[in-house]
C-alpha atoms as a PDB file:
ATOM      1  CA  MET A   1     -27.449  72.797  29.610  1.00  0.00           C
ATOM      2  CA  ALA A   2     -30.455  71.509  31.505  1.00  0.00           C
ATOM      3  CA  GLN A   3     -31.197  67.464  31.602  1.00  0.00           C
ATOM      4  CA  PRO A   4     -34.057  66.562  29.781  1.00  0.00           C
ATOM      5  CA  ARG A   5     -37.211  65.533  32.532  1.00  0.00           C
ATOM      6  CA  VAL A   6     -37.825  61.583  32.067  1.00  0.00           C
ATOM      7  CA  PRO A   7     -40.814  60.276  33.519  1.00  0.00           C
ATOM      8  CA  GLN A   8     -41.231  57.785  36.165  1.00  0.00           C
ATOM      9  CA  PRO A   9     -42.212  54.439  35.015  1.00  0.00           C
ATOM     10  CA  GLY A  10     -46.141  54.290  36.065  1.00  0.00           C
ATOM     11  CA  LEU A  11     -46.896  58.046  36.117  1.00  0.00           C
ATOM     12  CA  LEU A  12     -47.927  60.018  33.494  1.00  0.00           C
ATOM     13  CA  PRO A  13     -46.355  63.802  32.325  1.00  0.00           C
ATOM     14  CA  GLY A  14     -46.772  65.969  35.282  1.00  0.00           C
ATOM     15  CA  GLN A  15     -47.477  63.539  38.260  1.00  0.00           C
ATOM     16  CA  SER A  16     -45.124  62.738  40.747  1.00  0.00           C
ATOM     17  CA  ARG A  17     -44.888  60.143  43.965  1.00  0.00           C
ATOM     18  CA  LEU A  18     -45.469  62.837  46.169  1.00  0.00           C
ATOM     19  CA  ARG A  19     -48.109  61.974  48.821  1.00  0.00           C
ATOM     20  CA  GLU A  20     -49.594  64.326  51.431  1.00  0.00           C
ATOM     21  CA  PRO A  21     -48.053  63.365  54.833  1.00  0.00           C
ATOM     22  CA  PRO A  22     -50.200  60.547  56.912  1.00  0.00           C
ATOM     23  CA  SER A  23     -50.728  63.249  59.486  1.00  0.00           C
ATOM     24  CA  ILE A  24     -52.920  65.033  57.054  1.00  0.00           C
ATOM     25  CA  ARG A  25     -54.823  61.913  55.902  1.00  0.00           C
ATOM     26  CA  LEU A  26     -56.083  61.074  59.269  1.00  0.00           C
ATOM     27  CA  PRO A  27     -57.886  64.424  60.277  1.00  0.00           C
ATOM     28  CA  LEU A  28     -58.897  64.857  56.505  1.00  0.00           C
ATOM     29  CA  VAL A  29     -60.751  61.252  56.625  1.00  0.00           C
ATOM     30  CA  ALA A  30     -62.210  62.277  59.964  1.00  0.00           C
ATOM     31  CA  LEU A  31     -63.475  65.424  58.417  1.00  0.00           C
ATOM     32  CA  ILE A  32     -64.960  63.529  55.220  1.00  0.00           C
ATOM     33  CA  ALA A  33     -66.716  61.486  57.307  1.00  0.00           C
ATOM     34  CA  LEU A  34     -68.347  63.956  59.978  1.00  0.00           C
ATOM     35  CA  ILE A  35     -69.554  66.189  56.957  1.00  0.00           C
ATOM     36  CA  GLY A  36     -71.190  63.104  55.348  1.00  0.00           C
ATOM     37  CA  ALA A  37     -72.753  62.291  58.535  1.00  0.00           C
ATOM     38  CA  CYS A  38     -74.352  65.647  59.080  1.00  0.00           C
ATOM     39  CA  THR A  39     -75.393  65.440  55.425  1.00  0.00           C
ATOM     40  CA  GLY A  40     -77.236  62.201  55.261  1.00  0.00           C
ATOM     41  CA  VAL A  41     -74.301  60.526  53.590  1.00  0.00           C
ATOM     42  CA  VAL A  42     -73.933  58.114  56.315  1.00  0.00           C
ATOM     43  CA  SER A  43     -76.289  56.009  57.212  1.00  0.00           C
ATOM     44  CA  LYS A  44     -77.415  53.272  59.441  1.00  0.00           C
ATOM     45  CA  GLU A  45     -79.323  50.246  58.653  1.00  0.00           C
ATOM     46  CA  TYR A  46     -80.175  47.181  60.959  1.00  0.00           C
ATOM     47  CA  THR A  47     -80.709  43.836  59.711  1.00  0.00           C
ATOM     48  CA  TYR A  48     -81.899  40.473  60.710  1.00  0.00           C
ATOM     49  CA  THR A  49     -82.355  37.199  58.949  1.00  0.00           C
ATOM     50  CA  ARG A  50     -84.921  34.849  59.617  1.00  0.00           C
ATOM     51  CA  SER A  51     -83.701  31.236  59.295  1.00  0.00           C
ATOM     52  CA  THR A  52     -87.018  29.670  58.628  1.00  0.00           C
ATOM     53  CA  PRO A  53     -88.412  30.634  55.028  1.00  0.00           C
ATOM     54  CA  ALA A  54     -91.710  32.453  54.775  1.00  0.00           C
ATOM     55  CA  ILE A  55     -94.923  30.363  53.763  1.00  0.00           C
ATOM     56  CA  GLY A  56     -94.493  29.504  50.048  1.00  0.00           C
ATOM     57  CA  ARG A  57     -90.597  30.539  49.813  1.00  0.00           C
ATOM     58  CA  SER A  58     -87.863  28.445  49.729  1.00  0.00           C
ATOM     59  CA  SER A  59     -84.892  30.709  51.063  1.00  0.00           C
ATOM     60  CA  PRO A  60     -84.781  32.614  54.520  1.00  0.00           C
ATOM     61  CA  THR A  61     -86.127  36.234  54.850  1.00  0.00           C
ATOM     62  CA  THR A  62     -84.013  39.116  55.305  1.00  0.00           C
ATOM     63  CA  PHE A  63     -85.208  42.248  57.141  1.00  0.00           C
ATOM     64  CA  ILE A  64     -83.515  45.717  56.598  1.00  0.00           C
ATOM     65  CA  VAL A  65     -84.778  48.142  59.024  1.00  0.00           C
ATOM     66  CA  ARG A  66     -83.840  52.045  58.779  1.00  0.00           C
ATOM     67  CA  LEU A  67     -85.114  54.300  61.962  1.00  0.00           C
ATOM     68  CA  SER A  68     -85.823  58.155  62.275  1.00  0.00           C
ATOM     69  CA  VAL A  69     -85.988  58.599  65.996  1.00  0.00           C
ATOM     70  CA  ASP A  70     -87.808  61.856  67.295  1.00  0.00           C
ATOM     71  CA  SER A  71     -86.925  62.781  70.954  1.00  0.00           C
ATOM     72  CA  VAL A  72     -89.217  65.459  71.277  1.00  0.00           C
ATOM     73  CA  ARG A  73     -92.223  63.793  69.658  1.00  0.00           C
ATOM     74  CA  ARG A  74     -91.209  61.033  71.497  1.00  0.00           C
ATOM     75  CA  GLN A  75     -91.451  58.680  68.090  1.00  0.00           C
ATOM     76  CA  VAL A  76     -89.722  56.165  66.335  1.00  0.00           C
ATOM     77  CA  ILE A  77     -90.389  55.745  62.543  1.00  0.00           C
ATOM     78  CA  TRP A  78     -89.651  52.325  61.455  1.00  0.00           C
ATOM     79  CA  PHE A  79     -88.739  51.705  57.669  1.00  0.00           C
ATOM     80  CA  ALA A  80     -88.571  47.865  56.762  1.00  0.00           C
ATOM     81  CA  ASP A  81     -87.566  46.365  53.370  1.00  0.00           C
ATOM     82  CA  VAL A  82     -88.291  42.713  53.103  1.00  0.00           C
ATOM     83  CA  HIS A  83     -86.781  39.923  50.668  1.00  0.00           C
ATOM     84  CA  ASP A  84     -85.185  36.746  50.277  1.00  0.00           C
ATOM     85  CA  GLU A  85     -83.070  35.213  47.577  1.00  0.00           C
ATOM     86  CA  GLU A  86     -86.102  34.914  45.307  1.00  0.00           C
ATOM     87  CA  GLY A  87     -86.832  38.698  45.387  1.00  0.00           C
ATOM     88  CA  ASP A  88     -88.548  41.612  47.353  1.00  0.00           C
ATOM     89  CA  LEU A  89     -91.450  40.540  49.541  1.00  0.00           C
ATOM     90  CA  GLY A  90     -92.477  44.445  50.741  1.00  0.00           C
ATOM     91  CA  ARG A  91     -91.909  47.354  52.496  1.00  0.00           C
ATOM     92  CA  THR A  92     -93.209  48.988  55.378  1.00  0.00           C
ATOM     93  CA  THR A  93     -93.629  52.131  57.329  1.00  0.00           C
ATOM     94  CA  HIS A  94     -94.677  51.894  61.073  1.00  0.00           C
ATOM     95  CA  THR A  95     -94.622  55.012  63.591  1.00  0.00           C
ATOM     96  CA  TRP A  96     -94.136  54.305  67.062  1.00  0.00           C
ATOM     97  CA  GLU A  97     -95.615  56.694  69.668  1.00  0.00           C
ATOM     98  CA  ALA A  98     -95.430  57.581  73.484  1.00  0.00           C
ATOM     99  CA  CYS A  99     -91.849  55.917  73.059  1.00  0.00           C
ATOM    100  CA  THR A 100     -89.368  56.074  76.118  1.00  0.00           C
ATOM    101  CA  ILE A 101     -86.370  57.792  74.485  1.00  0.00           C
ATOM    102  CA  LEU A 102     -83.534  58.499  76.444  1.00  0.00           C
ATOM    103  CA  ASP A 103     -80.985  59.168  73.471  1.00  0.00           C
ATOM    104  CA  SER A 104     -80.738  57.527  70.035  1.00  0.00           C
ATOM    105  CA  ARG A 105     -78.883  54.511  71.103  1.00  0.00           C
ATOM    106  CA  ASN A 106     -81.703  53.816  74.400  1.00  0.00           C
ATOM    107  CA  TRP A 107     -85.319  54.078  73.793  1.00  0.00           C
ATOM    108  CA  GLU A 108     -88.523  51.691  74.159  1.00  0.00           C
ATOM    109  CA  CYS A 109     -91.776  51.781  72.654  1.00  0.00           C
ATOM    110  CA  PRO A 110     -94.990  50.571  74.270  1.00  0.00           C
ATOM    111  CA  PRO A 111     -96.061  47.222  73.231  1.00  0.00           C
ATOM    112  CA  VAL A 112     -98.893  46.262  70.872  1.00  0.00           C
ATOM    113  CA  ALA A 113    -101.385  44.363  72.935  1.00  0.00           C
ATOM    114  CA  PRO A 114    -104.981  44.040  71.266  1.00  0.00           C
ATOM    115  CA  PRO A 115    -107.907  42.834  72.656  1.00  0.00           C
ATOM    116  CA  PRO A 116    -109.459  40.348  73.808  1.00  0.00           C
ATOM    117  CA  ASP A 117    -106.354  38.948  75.748  1.00  0.00           C
ATOM    118  CA  TYR A 118    -103.874  41.915  75.412  1.00  0.00           C
ATOM    119  CA  GLN A 119    -101.113  39.731  74.764  1.00  0.00           C
ATOM    120  CA  THR A 120     -97.985  41.382  73.542  1.00  0.00           C
ATOM    121  CA  VAL A 121     -97.737  41.198  69.573  1.00  0.00           C
ATOM    122  CA  HIS A 122     -95.483  43.823  68.385  1.00  0.00           C
ATOM    123  CA  GLN A 123     -92.596  45.568  70.294  1.00  0.00           C
ATOM    124  CA  VAL A 124     -89.278  47.384  69.575  1.00  0.00           C
ATOM    125  CA  SER A 125     -86.352  48.759  71.820  1.00  0.00           C
ATOM    126  CA  MET A 126     -82.898  49.633  71.449  1.00  0.00           C
ATOM    127  CA  ARG A 127     -80.495  49.056  74.151  1.00  0.00           C
ATOM    128  CA  ASN A 128     -76.819  50.453  73.978  1.00  0.00           C
ATOM    129  CA  GLY A 129     -77.215  50.857  70.026  1.00  0.00           C
ATOM    130  CA  GLN A 130     -78.512  46.988  69.670  1.00  0.00           C
ATOM    131  CA  LEU A 131     -82.135  47.253  68.026  1.00  0.00           C
ATOM    132  CA  PHE A 132     -84.470  44.609  69.269  1.00  0.00           C
ATOM    133  CA  GLU A 133     -87.806  43.734  67.839  1.00  0.00           C
ATOM    134  CA  TYR A 134     -90.776  40.997  69.696  1.00  0.00           C
ATOM    135  CA  TYR A 135     -93.074  40.169  66.732  1.00  0.00           C
ATOM    136  CA  TRP A 136     -95.384  37.440  67.971  1.00  0.00           C
ATOM    137  CA  SER A 137     -93.192  34.711  69.180  1.00  0.00           C
ATOM    138  CA  ASP A 138     -90.383  35.871  67.147  1.00  0.00           C
ATOM    139  CA  GLU A 139     -87.683  37.691  69.118  1.00  0.00           C
ATOM    140  CA  ARG A 140     -85.205  39.853  66.745  1.00  0.00           C
ATOM    141  CA  GLN A 141     -81.990  41.053  67.106  1.00  0.00           C
ATOM    142  CA  TYR A 142     -80.328  43.026  65.076  1.00  0.00           C
ATOM    143  CA  LYS A 143     -76.980  43.632  63.376  1.00  0.00           C
ATOM    144  CA  THR A 144     -75.571  47.219  62.560  1.00  0.00           C
ATOM    145  CA  LYS A 145     -74.494  48.289  59.368  1.00  0.00           C
ATOM    146  CA  HIS A 146     -73.394  51.393  58.332  1.00  0.00           C
ATOM    147  CA  ARG A 147     -73.625  52.812  54.987  1.00  0.00           C
ATOM    148  CA  ILE A 148     -71.598  55.736  53.063  1.00  0.00           C
ATOM    149  CA  LEU A 149     -72.629  56.932  49.813  1.00  0.00           C
ATOM    150  CA  GLY A 150     -74.921  53.870  49.673  1.00  0.00           C
ATOM    151  CA  ILE A 151     -71.996  51.354  50.516  1.00  0.00           C
ATOM    152  CA  GLY A 152     -72.271  49.203  53.174  1.00  0.00           C
ATOM    153  CA  PHE A 153     -69.487  47.849  55.613  1.00  0.00           C
END
């Protein structure tokens, strides 16, 4: 006569402690990340926190930037969300044109230098995957943050 099956502690009936071998898990994770990157599930954000608060605010300002680089049109589209501990400060979009784009990790856009003195007031560039912005006298070096399904790491 067959022995009745006794479930193991911590398992539901029908479950087992068997797991796929580690040699399968790593390629599976890599495949999921690759598919996610191709479908927009994986994205990059660039963050910069200005140490001094904006006028009339009491906490430092954080800039979160997302980019779209189009090497054919020589354009960089800049999406920026700005906030501090007190709340949202706004969202801006800027299209930079006539950029010099070597690849998605190395590019530079021409400076904005209005008359009468043609001093550079705004310029953006990326060197080896590091995003830089010059805005008036503020030189910003952004940190890269990766997101998968909206979760940052």
